[in-house]
PDB file of N, CA and C in Angstrom:
ATOM      1  N   MET A   1     -11.162  -7.185  -9.154  1.00  0.00           N
ATOM      2  CA  MET A   1     -10.781  -6.634  -7.843  1.00  0.00           C
ATOM      3  C   MET A   1      -9.873  -5.401  -7.922  1.00  0.00           C
ATOM      4  N   LYS A   2     -10.096  -4.507  -6.998  1.00  0.00           N
ATOM      5  CA  LYS A   2      -9.302  -3.217  -6.979  1.00  0.00           C
ATOM      6  C   LYS A   2      -8.268  -3.284  -5.903  1.00  0.00           C
ATOM      7  N   ALA A   3      -7.123  -2.859  -6.155  1.00  0.00           N
ATOM      8  CA  ALA A   3      -6.012  -2.808  -5.222  1.00  0.00           C
ATOM      9  C   ALA A   3      -5.476  -1.394  -5.258  1.00  0.00           C
ATOM     10  N   LEU A   4      -4.968  -0.969  -4.100  1.00  0.00           N
ATOM     11  CA  LEU A   4      -4.293   0.328  -3.978  1.00  0.00           C
ATOM     12  C   LEU A   4      -2.763   0.240  -3.828  1.00  0.00           C
ATOM     13  N   VAL A   5      -1.922   0.950  -4.442  1.00  0.00           N
ATOM     14  CA  VAL A   5      -0.622   1.082  -4.157  1.00  0.00           C
ATOM     15  C   VAL A   5      -0.486   2.442  -3.588  1.00  0.00           C
ATOM     16  N   VAL A   6       0.058   2.518  -2.274  1.00  0.00           N
ATOM     17  CA  VAL A   6       0.085   3.692  -1.579  1.00  0.00           C
ATOM     18  C   VAL A   6       1.588   4.126  -1.384  1.00  0.00           C
ATOM     19  N   GLY A   7       1.990   5.318  -1.669  1.00  0.00           N
ATOM     20  CA  GLY A   7       3.299   5.891  -1.522  1.00  0.00           C
ATOM     21  C   GLY A   7       4.079   5.396  -2.739  1.00  0.00           C
ATOM     22  N   GLY A   8       5.405   5.624  -2.600  1.00  0.00           N
ATOM     23  CA  GLY A   8       6.213   5.257  -3.789  1.00  0.00           C
ATOM     24  C   GLY A   8       6.164   5.976  -4.966  1.00  0.00           C
ATOM     25  N   THR A   9       6.728   5.396  -6.079  1.00  0.00           N
ATOM     26  CA  THR A   9       6.608   6.081  -7.347  1.00  0.00           C
ATOM     27  C   THR A   9       5.619   5.379  -8.314  1.00  0.00           C
ATOM     28  N   GLY A  10       5.401   6.063  -9.333  1.00  0.00           N
ATOM     29  CA  GLY A  10       4.668   5.539 -10.438  1.00  0.00           C
ATOM     30  C   GLY A  10       5.379   4.351 -11.036  1.00  0.00           C
ATOM     31  N   GLU A  11       6.605   4.261 -10.972  1.00  0.00           N
ATOM     32  CA  GLU A  11       7.309   3.110 -11.621  1.00  0.00           C
ATOM     33  C   GLU A  11       7.117   2.041 -10.659  1.00  0.00           C
ATOM     34  N   LEU A  12       7.184   1.993  -9.403  1.00  0.00           N
ATOM     35  CA  LEU A  12       6.863   0.991  -8.466  1.00  0.00           C
ATOM     36  C   LEU A  12       5.450   0.534  -8.740  1.00  0.00           C
ATOM     37  N   ALA A  13       4.451   1.292  -8.934  1.00  0.00           N
ATOM     38  CA  ALA A  13       3.148   1.004  -9.097  1.00  0.00           C
ATOM     39  C   ALA A  13       3.030   0.034 -10.357  1.00  0.00           C
ATOM     40  N   GLU A  14       3.541   0.566 -11.266  1.00  0.00           N
ATOM     41  CA  GLU A  14       3.556  -0.108 -12.693  1.00  0.00           C
ATOM     42  C   GLU A  14       4.261  -1.543 -12.635  1.00  0.00           C
ATOM     43  N   THR A  15       5.387  -1.583 -11.815  1.00  0.00           N
ATOM     44  CA  THR A  15       6.038  -2.930 -11.651  1.00  0.00           C
ATOM     45  C   THR A  15       5.148  -3.830 -10.935  1.00  0.00           C
ATOM     46  N   LEU A  16       4.513  -3.351  -9.875  1.00  0.00           N
ATOM     47  CA  LEU A  16       3.503  -4.255  -8.997  1.00  0.00           C
ATOM     48  C   LEU A  16       2.309  -4.547  -9.948  1.00  0.00           C
ATOM     49  N   ARG A  17       1.858  -3.684 -10.884  1.00  0.00           N
ATOM     50  CA  ARG A  17       0.685  -4.084 -11.639  1.00  0.00           C
ATOM     51  C   ARG A  17       1.000  -5.132 -12.594  1.00  0.00           C
ATOM     52  N   VAL A  18       2.305  -5.101 -13.087  1.00  0.00           N
ATOM     53  CA  VAL A  18       2.618  -6.132 -14.171  1.00  0.00           C
ATOM     54  C   VAL A  18       2.770  -7.520 -13.427  1.00  0.00           C
ATOM     55  N   ILE A  19       3.440  -7.416 -12.359  1.00  0.00           N
ATOM     56  CA  ILE A  19       3.552  -8.731 -11.416  1.00  0.00           C
ATOM     57  C   ILE A  19       2.142  -9.319 -11.050  1.00  0.00           C
ATOM     58  N   LEU A  20       1.316  -8.587 -10.563  1.00  0.00           N
ATOM     59  CA  LEU A  20       0.116  -9.059 -10.020  1.00  0.00           C
ATOM     60  C   LEU A  20      -0.746  -9.405 -11.181  1.00  0.00           C
ATOM     61  N   HIS A  21      -0.756  -8.605 -12.209  1.00  0.00           N
ATOM     62  CA  HIS A  21      -1.597  -8.960 -13.341  1.00  0.00           C
ATOM     63  C   HIS A  21      -1.432 -10.335 -14.166  1.00  0.00           C
ATOM     64  N   VAL A  22      -0.258 -10.938 -13.769  1.00  0.00           N
ATOM     65  CA  VAL A  22      -0.050 -12.227 -14.346  1.00  0.00           C
ATOM     66  C   VAL A  22      -0.965 -13.307 -13.605  1.00  0.00           C
ATOM     67  N   ARG A  23      -1.162 -13.039 -12.376  1.00  0.00           N
ATOM     68  CA  ARG A  23      -2.066 -13.932 -11.637  1.00  0.00           C
ATOM     69  C   ARG A  23      -3.522 -13.472 -11.639  1.00  0.00           C
ATOM     70  N   TRP A  24      -3.807 -12.273 -11.623  1.00  0.00           N
ATOM     71  CA  TRP A  24      -5.147 -11.632 -11.428  1.00  0.00           C
ATOM     72  C   TRP A  24      -5.301 -10.697 -12.602  1.00  0.00           C
ATOM     73  N   HIS A  25      -5.945 -11.371 -13.669  1.00  0.00           N
ATOM     74  CA  HIS A  25      -6.035 -10.530 -14.905  1.00  0.00           C
ATOM     75  C   HIS A  25      -6.990  -9.321 -14.762  1.00  0.00           C
ATOM     76  N   GLU A  26      -8.053  -9.572 -13.888  1.00  0.00           N
ATOM     77  CA  GLU A  26      -9.032  -8.513 -13.845  1.00  0.00           C
ATOM     78  C   GLU A  26      -8.632  -7.469 -12.696  1.00  0.00           C
ATOM     79  N   LEU A  27      -7.367  -7.487 -12.201  1.00  0.00           N
ATOM     80  CA  LEU A  27      -7.023  -6.547 -11.188  1.00  0.00           C
ATOM     81  C   LEU A  27      -6.897  -5.237 -11.714  1.00  0.00           C
ATOM     82  N   ASN A  28      -7.614  -4.137 -10.895  1.00  0.00           N
ATOM     83  CA  ASN A  28      -7.468  -2.777 -11.207  1.00  0.00           C
ATOM     84  C   ASN A  28      -6.654  -2.164 -10.168  1.00  0.00           C
ATOM     85  N   LEU A  29      -5.472  -1.845 -10.440  1.00  0.00           N
ATOM     86  CA  LEU A  29      -4.534  -1.237  -9.548  1.00  0.00           C
ATOM     87  C   LEU A  29      -4.372   0.299  -9.699  1.00  0.00           C
ATOM     88  N   VAL A  30      -4.665   0.917  -8.569  1.00  0.00           N
ATOM     89  CA  VAL A  30      -4.611   2.319  -8.532  1.00  0.00           C
ATOM     90  C   VAL A  30      -3.483   2.804  -7.680  1.00  0.00           C
ATOM     91  N   HIS A  31      -2.652   3.787  -8.204  1.00  0.00           N
ATOM     92  CA  HIS A  31      -1.497   4.328  -7.404  1.00  0.00           C
ATOM     93  C   HIS A  31      -1.910   5.664  -6.823  1.00  0.00           C
ATOM     94  N   ILE A  32      -1.660   5.853  -5.381  1.00  0.00           N
ATOM     95  CA  ILE A  32      -2.000   7.018  -4.712  1.00  0.00           C
ATOM     96  C   ILE A  32      -0.732   7.255  -3.879  1.00  0.00           C
ATOM     97  N   ALA A  33      -0.108   8.452  -4.277  1.00  0.00           N
ATOM     98  CA  ALA A  33       1.223   8.810  -3.693  1.00  0.00           C
ATOM     99  C   ALA A  33       1.127   9.267  -2.273  1.00  0.00           C
ATOM    100  N   GLU A  34       0.006   9.960  -1.942  1.00  0.00           N
ATOM    101  CA  GLU A  34      -0.166  10.619  -0.628  1.00  0.00           C
ATOM    102  C   GLU A  34      -1.063   9.758   0.357  1.00  0.00           C
ATOM    103  N   TYR A  35      -0.537   9.570   1.561  1.00  0.00           N
ATOM    104  CA  TYR A  35      -1.233   8.696   2.414  1.00  0.00           C
ATOM    105  C   TYR A  35      -2.599   9.139   2.823  1.00  0.00           C
ATOM    106  N   GLN A  36      -2.764  10.349   3.169  1.00  0.00           N
ATOM    107  CA  GLN A  36      -4.092  10.978   3.467  1.00  0.00           C
ATOM    108  C   GLN A  36      -5.142  10.691   2.357  1.00  0.00           C
ATOM    109  N   ALA A  37      -4.699  11.015   1.214  1.00  0.00           N
ATOM    110  CA  ALA A  37      -5.554  10.797   0.034  1.00  0.00           C
ATOM    111  C   ALA A  37      -5.995   9.349  -0.095  1.00  0.00           C
ATOM    112  N   ALA A  38      -5.147   8.460   0.299  1.00  0.00           N
ATOM    113  CA  ALA A  38      -5.238   6.983   0.242  1.00  0.00           C
ATOM    114  C   ALA A  38      -6.326   6.614   1.347  1.00  0.00           C
ATOM    115  N   LEU A  39      -6.492   7.211   2.449  1.00  0.00           N
ATOM    116  CA  LEU A  39      -7.368   6.919   3.412  1.00  0.00           C
ATOM    117  C   LEU A  39      -8.760   7.260   2.905  1.00  0.00           C
ATOM    118  N   ALA A  40      -8.914   8.364   2.211  1.00  0.00           N
ATOM    119  CA  ALA A  40     -10.194   8.670   1.671  1.00  0.00           C
ATOM    120  C   ALA A  40     -10.720   7.740   0.509  1.00  0.00           C
ATOM    121  N   VAL A  41      -9.778   7.234  -0.283  1.00  0.00           N
ATOM    122  CA  VAL A  41     -10.127   6.174  -1.226  1.00  0.00           C
ATOM    123  C   VAL A  41     -10.449   4.927  -0.670  1.00  0.00           C
ATOM    124  N   LEU A  42      -9.718   4.558   0.362  1.00  0.00           N
ATOM    125  CA  LEU A  42      -9.959   3.313   1.097  1.00  0.00           C
ATOM    126  C   LEU A  42     -11.375   3.260   1.589  1.00  0.00           C
ATOM    127  N   ARG A  43     -11.770   4.409   2.188  1.00  0.00           N
ATOM    128  CA  ARG A  43     -13.143   4.366   2.764  1.00  0.00           C
ATOM    129  C   ARG A  43     -14.177   4.480   1.720  1.00  0.00           C
ATOM    130  N   ARG A  44     -14.002   5.126   0.632  1.00  0.00           N
ATOM    131  CA  ARG A  44     -14.954   5.217  -0.394  1.00  0.00           C
ATOM    132  C   ARG A  44     -14.977   3.979  -1.355  1.00  0.00           C
ATOM    133  N   GLU A  45     -13.866   3.512  -1.665  1.00  0.00           N
ATOM    134  CA  GLU A  45     -13.846   2.420  -2.750  1.00  0.00           C
ATOM    135  C   GLU A  45     -13.749   0.874  -2.090  1.00  0.00           C
ATOM    136  N   GLU A  46     -13.388   0.762  -0.829  1.00  0.00           N
ATOM    137  CA  GLU A  46     -13.305  -0.592  -0.226  1.00  0.00           C
ATOM    138  C   GLU A  46     -12.581  -1.475  -1.205  1.00  0.00           C
ATOM    139  N   PRO A  47     -11.142  -1.310  -1.385  1.00  0.00           N
ATOM    140  CA  PRO A  47     -10.387  -2.163  -2.274  1.00  0.00           C
ATOM    141  C   PRO A  47     -10.242  -3.491  -1.715  1.00  0.00           C
ATOM    142  N   GLY A  48      -9.837  -4.498  -2.474  1.00  0.00           N
ATOM    143  CA  GLY A  48      -9.705  -5.846  -1.931  1.00  0.00           C
ATOM    144  C   GLY A  48      -8.243  -6.092  -1.492  1.00  0.00           C
ATOM    145  N   LEU A  49      -7.338  -5.182  -1.740  1.00  0.00           N
ATOM    146  CA  LEU A  49      -5.936  -5.213  -1.387  1.00  0.00           C
ATOM    147  C   LEU A  49      -5.271  -3.863  -1.330  1.00  0.00           C
ATOM    148  N   MET A  50      -4.336  -3.742  -0.443  1.00  0.00           N
ATOM    149  CA  MET A  50      -3.588  -2.511  -0.287  1.00  0.00           C
ATOM    150  C   MET A  50      -2.096  -2.817  -0.180  1.00  0.00           C
ATOM    151  N   LEU A  51      -1.364  -2.248  -1.044  1.00  0.00           N
ATOM    152  CA  LEU A  51       0.170  -2.455  -0.874  1.00  0.00           C
ATOM    153  C   LEU A  51       0.659  -0.980  -0.453  1.00  0.00           C
ATOM    154  N   VAL A  52       1.619  -0.967   0.578  1.00  0.00           N
ATOM    155  CA  VAL A  52       2.065   0.270   1.104  1.00  0.00           C
ATOM    156  C   VAL A  52       3.478   0.270   0.997  1.00  0.00           C
ATOM    157  N   ASP A  53       4.075   1.258   0.418  1.00  0.00           N
ATOM    158  CA  ASP A  53       5.488   1.449   0.324  1.00  0.00           C
ATOM    159  C   ASP A  53       6.018   2.316   1.444  1.00  0.00           C
ATOM    160  N   CYS A  54       6.905   1.702   2.183  1.00  0.00           N
ATOM    161  CA  CYS A  54       7.444   2.309   3.410  1.00  0.00           C
ATOM    162  C   CYS A  54       8.855   2.762   3.237  1.00  0.00           C
ATOM    163  N   SER A  55       9.375   2.936   2.037  1.00  0.00           N
ATOM    164  CA  SER A  55      10.771   3.239   1.775  1.00  0.00           C
ATOM    165  C   SER A  55      11.170   4.545   2.191  1.00  0.00           C
ATOM    166  N   ASP A  56      10.251   5.492   2.191  1.00  0.00           N
ATOM    167  CA  ASP A  56      10.688   6.977   2.435  1.00  0.00           C
ATOM    168  C   ASP A  56      10.791   7.286   3.797  1.00  0.00           C
ATOM    169  N   ASN A  57       9.693   6.964   4.633  1.00  0.00           N
ATOM    170  CA  ASN A  57       9.626   7.394   6.037  1.00  0.00           C
ATOM    171  C   ASN A  57       8.880   6.273   6.739  1.00  0.00           C
ATOM    172  N   VAL A  58       9.558   5.498   7.444  1.00  0.00           N
ATOM    173  CA  VAL A  58       8.954   4.322   8.187  1.00  0.00           C
ATOM    174  C   VAL A  58       8.063   4.863   9.255  1.00  0.00           C
ATOM    175  N   ALA A  59       8.319   5.936   9.991  1.00  0.00           N
ATOM    176  CA  ALA A  59       7.421   6.380  11.124  1.00  0.00           C
ATOM    177  C   ALA A  59       6.106   6.927  10.452  1.00  0.00           C
ATOM    178  N   ILE A  60       6.208   7.569   9.370  1.00  0.00           N
ATOM    179  CA  ILE A  60       4.918   8.064   8.831  1.00  0.00           C
ATOM    180  C   ILE A  60       4.166   7.045   8.284  1.00  0.00           C
ATOM    181  N   CYS A  61       4.811   6.044   7.570  1.00  0.00           N
ATOM    182  CA  CYS A  61       4.216   4.845   7.076  1.00  0.00           C
ATOM    183  C   CYS A  61       3.518   3.978   8.238  1.00  0.00           C
ATOM    184  N   CYS A  62       4.117   3.802   9.164  1.00  0.00           N
ATOM    185  CA  CYS A  62       3.543   2.969  10.353  1.00  0.00           C
ATOM    186  C   CYS A  62       2.296   3.710  10.940  1.00  0.00           C
ATOM    187  N   ASP A  63       2.299   5.108  11.132  1.00  0.00           N
ATOM    188  CA  ASP A  63       1.231   5.880  11.485  1.00  0.00           C
ATOM    189  C   ASP A  63      -0.046   5.693  10.521  1.00  0.00           C
ATOM    190  N   PHE A  64       0.352   5.568   9.311  1.00  0.00           N
ATOM    191  CA  PHE A  64      -0.733   5.401   8.162  1.00  0.00           C
ATOM    192  C   PHE A  64      -1.209   3.920   8.438  1.00  0.00           C
ATOM    193  N   ILE A  65      -0.463   2.923   8.510  1.00  0.00           N
ATOM    194  CA  ILE A  65      -0.959   1.734   8.776  1.00  0.00           C
ATOM    195  C   ILE A  65      -1.904   1.560   9.840  1.00  0.00           C
ATOM    196  N   SER A  66      -1.530   2.150  10.963  1.00  0.00           N
ATOM    197  CA  SER A  66      -2.453   2.394  12.186  1.00  0.00           C
ATOM    198  C   SER A  66      -3.865   2.918  11.836  1.00  0.00           C
ATOM    199  N   GLN A  67      -3.741   3.999  11.074  1.00  0.00           N
ATOM    200  CA  GLN A  67      -5.018   4.599  10.613  1.00  0.00           C
ATOM    201  C   GLN A  67      -5.857   3.610   9.784  1.00  0.00           C
ATOM    202  N   VAL A  68      -5.241   2.912   8.876  1.00  0.00           N
ATOM    203  CA  VAL A  68      -5.910   1.973   8.020  1.00  0.00           C
ATOM    204  C   VAL A  68      -6.550   1.013   8.883  1.00  0.00           C
ATOM    205  N   ARG A  69      -5.836   0.448   9.833  1.00  0.00           N
ATOM    206  CA  ARG A  69      -6.364  -0.729  10.733  1.00  0.00           C
ATOM    207  C   ARG A  69      -7.559  -0.190  11.594  1.00  0.00           C
ATOM    208  N   ALA A  70      -7.486   1.046  11.933  1.00  0.00           N
ATOM    209  CA  ALA A  70      -8.511   1.666  12.742  1.00  0.00           C
ATOM    210  C   ALA A  70      -9.931   1.690  12.037  1.00  0.00           C
ATOM    211  N   CYS A  71      -9.791   1.590  10.679  1.00  0.00           N
ATOM    212  CA  CYS A  71     -11.059   1.865   9.827  1.00  0.00           C
ATOM    213  C   CYS A  71     -11.416   0.657   8.843  1.00  0.00           C
ATOM    214  N   SER A  72     -10.456  -0.291   8.719  1.00  0.00           N
ATOM    215  CA  SER A  72     -10.656  -1.354   7.682  1.00  0.00           C
ATOM    216  C   SER A  72      -9.774  -2.469   8.074  1.00  0.00           C
ATOM    217  N   ASP A  73     -10.202  -3.745   7.576  1.00  0.00           N
ATOM    218  CA  ASP A  73      -9.520  -4.921   7.668  1.00  0.00           C
ATOM    219  C   ASP A  73      -9.007  -5.412   6.342  1.00  0.00           C
ATOM    220  N   VAL A  74      -8.860  -4.443   5.397  1.00  0.00           N
ATOM    221  CA  VAL A  74      -8.247  -4.748   4.194  1.00  0.00           C
ATOM    222  C   VAL A  74      -6.912  -5.474   4.239  1.00  0.00           C
ATOM    223  N   PRO A  75      -6.695  -6.622   3.373  1.00  0.00           N
ATOM    224  CA  PRO A  75      -5.428  -7.179   3.433  1.00  0.00           C
ATOM    225  C   PRO A  75      -4.347  -6.122   3.036  1.00  0.00           C
ATOM    226  N   LEU A  76      -3.178  -6.094   3.835  1.00  0.00           N
ATOM    227  CA  LEU A  76      -2.229  -5.027   3.485  1.00  0.00           C
ATOM    228  C   LEU A  76      -0.872  -5.667   3.456  1.00  0.00           C
ATOM    229  N   VAL A  77      -0.239  -5.334   2.347  1.00  0.00           N
ATOM    230  CA  VAL A  77       1.129  -5.865   2.141  1.00  0.00           C
ATOM    231  C   VAL A  77       2.174  -4.510   2.138  1.00  0.00           C
ATOM    232  N   VAL A  78       3.156  -4.704   2.994  1.00  0.00           N
ATOM    233  CA  VAL A  78       4.181  -3.617   3.006  1.00  0.00           C
ATOM    234  C   VAL A  78       5.338  -3.998   2.252  1.00  0.00           C
ATOM    235  N   VAL A  79       5.718  -3.047   1.398  1.00  0.00           N
ATOM    236  CA  VAL A  79       6.864  -3.134   0.507  1.00  0.00           C
ATOM    237  C   VAL A  79       7.843  -1.944   0.682  1.00  0.00           C
ATOM    238  N   GLY A  80       9.073  -2.348   0.496  1.00  0.00           N
ATOM    239  CA  GLY A  80      10.041  -1.223   0.701  1.00  0.00           C
ATOM    240  C   GLY A  80      11.532  -1.890   0.636  1.00  0.00           C
ATOM    241  N   GLU A  81      12.373  -0.946   0.646  1.00  0.00           N
ATOM    242  CA  GLU A  81      13.782  -1.314   0.489  1.00  0.00           C
ATOM    243  C   GLU A  81      14.645  -1.057   1.726  1.00  0.00           C
ATOM    244  N   ASP A  82      13.980  -0.785   2.903  1.00  0.00           N
ATOM    245  CA  ASP A  82      14.748  -0.513   4.104  1.00  0.00           C
ATOM    246  C   ASP A  82      15.449  -1.857   4.514  1.00  0.00           C
ATOM    247  N   GLU A  83      16.705  -1.727   4.965  1.00  0.00           N
ATOM    248  CA  GLU A  83      17.470  -2.811   5.400  1.00  0.00           C
ATOM    249  C   GLU A  83      17.342  -2.939   6.942  1.00  0.00           C
ATOM    250  N   ASP A  84      16.655  -1.930   7.593  1.00  0.00           N
ATOM    251  CA  ASP A  84      16.575  -1.928   9.139  1.00  0.00           C
ATOM    252  C   ASP A  84      15.497  -2.963   9.446  1.00  0.00           C
ATOM    253  N   VAL A  85      15.988  -3.965  10.155  1.00  0.00           N
ATOM    254  CA  VAL A  85      15.014  -5.078  10.556  1.00  0.00           C
ATOM    255  C   VAL A  85      13.962  -4.468  11.717  1.00  0.00           C
ATOM    256  N   THR A  86      14.382  -3.501  12.421  1.00  0.00           N
ATOM    257  CA  THR A  86      13.564  -2.941  13.492  1.00  0.00           C
ATOM    258  C   THR A  86      12.289  -2.225  12.660  1.00  0.00           C
ATOM    259  N   ALA A  87      12.606  -1.514  11.526  1.00  0.00           N
ATOM    260  CA  ALA A  87      11.767  -0.764  10.844  1.00  0.00           C
ATOM    261  C   ALA A  87      10.629  -1.749  10.200  1.00  0.00           C
ATOM    262  N   LYS A  88      11.270  -2.888   9.677  1.00  0.00           N
ATOM    263  CA  LYS A  88      10.372  -3.819   9.064  1.00  0.00           C
ATOM    264  C   LYS A  88       9.309  -4.419  10.116  1.00  0.00           C
ATOM    265  N   VAL A  89       9.823  -4.751  11.255  1.00  0.00           N
ATOM    266  CA  VAL A  89       9.094  -5.255  12.392  1.00  0.00           C
ATOM    267  C   VAL A  89       7.995  -4.254  12.786  1.00  0.00           C
ATOM    268  N   ARG A  90       8.397  -3.159  12.889  1.00  0.00           N
ATOM    269  CA  ARG A  90       7.473  -2.051  13.331  1.00  0.00           C
ATOM    270  C   ARG A  90       6.378  -1.790  12.286  1.00  0.00           C
ATOM    271  N   ALA A  91       6.658  -1.953  11.081  1.00  0.00           N
ATOM    272  CA  ALA A  91       5.622  -1.816   9.921  1.00  0.00           C
ATOM    273  C   ALA A  91       4.562  -2.945   9.994  1.00  0.00           C
ATOM    274  N   LEU A  92       5.169  -4.186  10.341  1.00  0.00           N
ATOM    275  CA  LEU A  92       4.243  -5.155  10.539  1.00  0.00           C
ATOM    276  C   LEU A  92       3.401  -5.115  11.729  1.00  0.00           C
TER     277      LEU A  92
END
């Protein structure tokens, strides 16, 4: 299965890869830092899972999630360190 980690750092992507690899040994995790590049990969590769880091800019992240939902029903997990409950609800 292929999974995309969008946004965040390479360190976050590596941490997620290690955690997920424990359960899914065949997981191929790809980190894409830029949201627009991730949309192109999403359309081309059709991954089985997408993890989106919304730590930096919740508004941009939410716009990206809307774009993803407009073209795909890929399972999507939002990760981030934001303490703002409103931001978390908006991302969901």
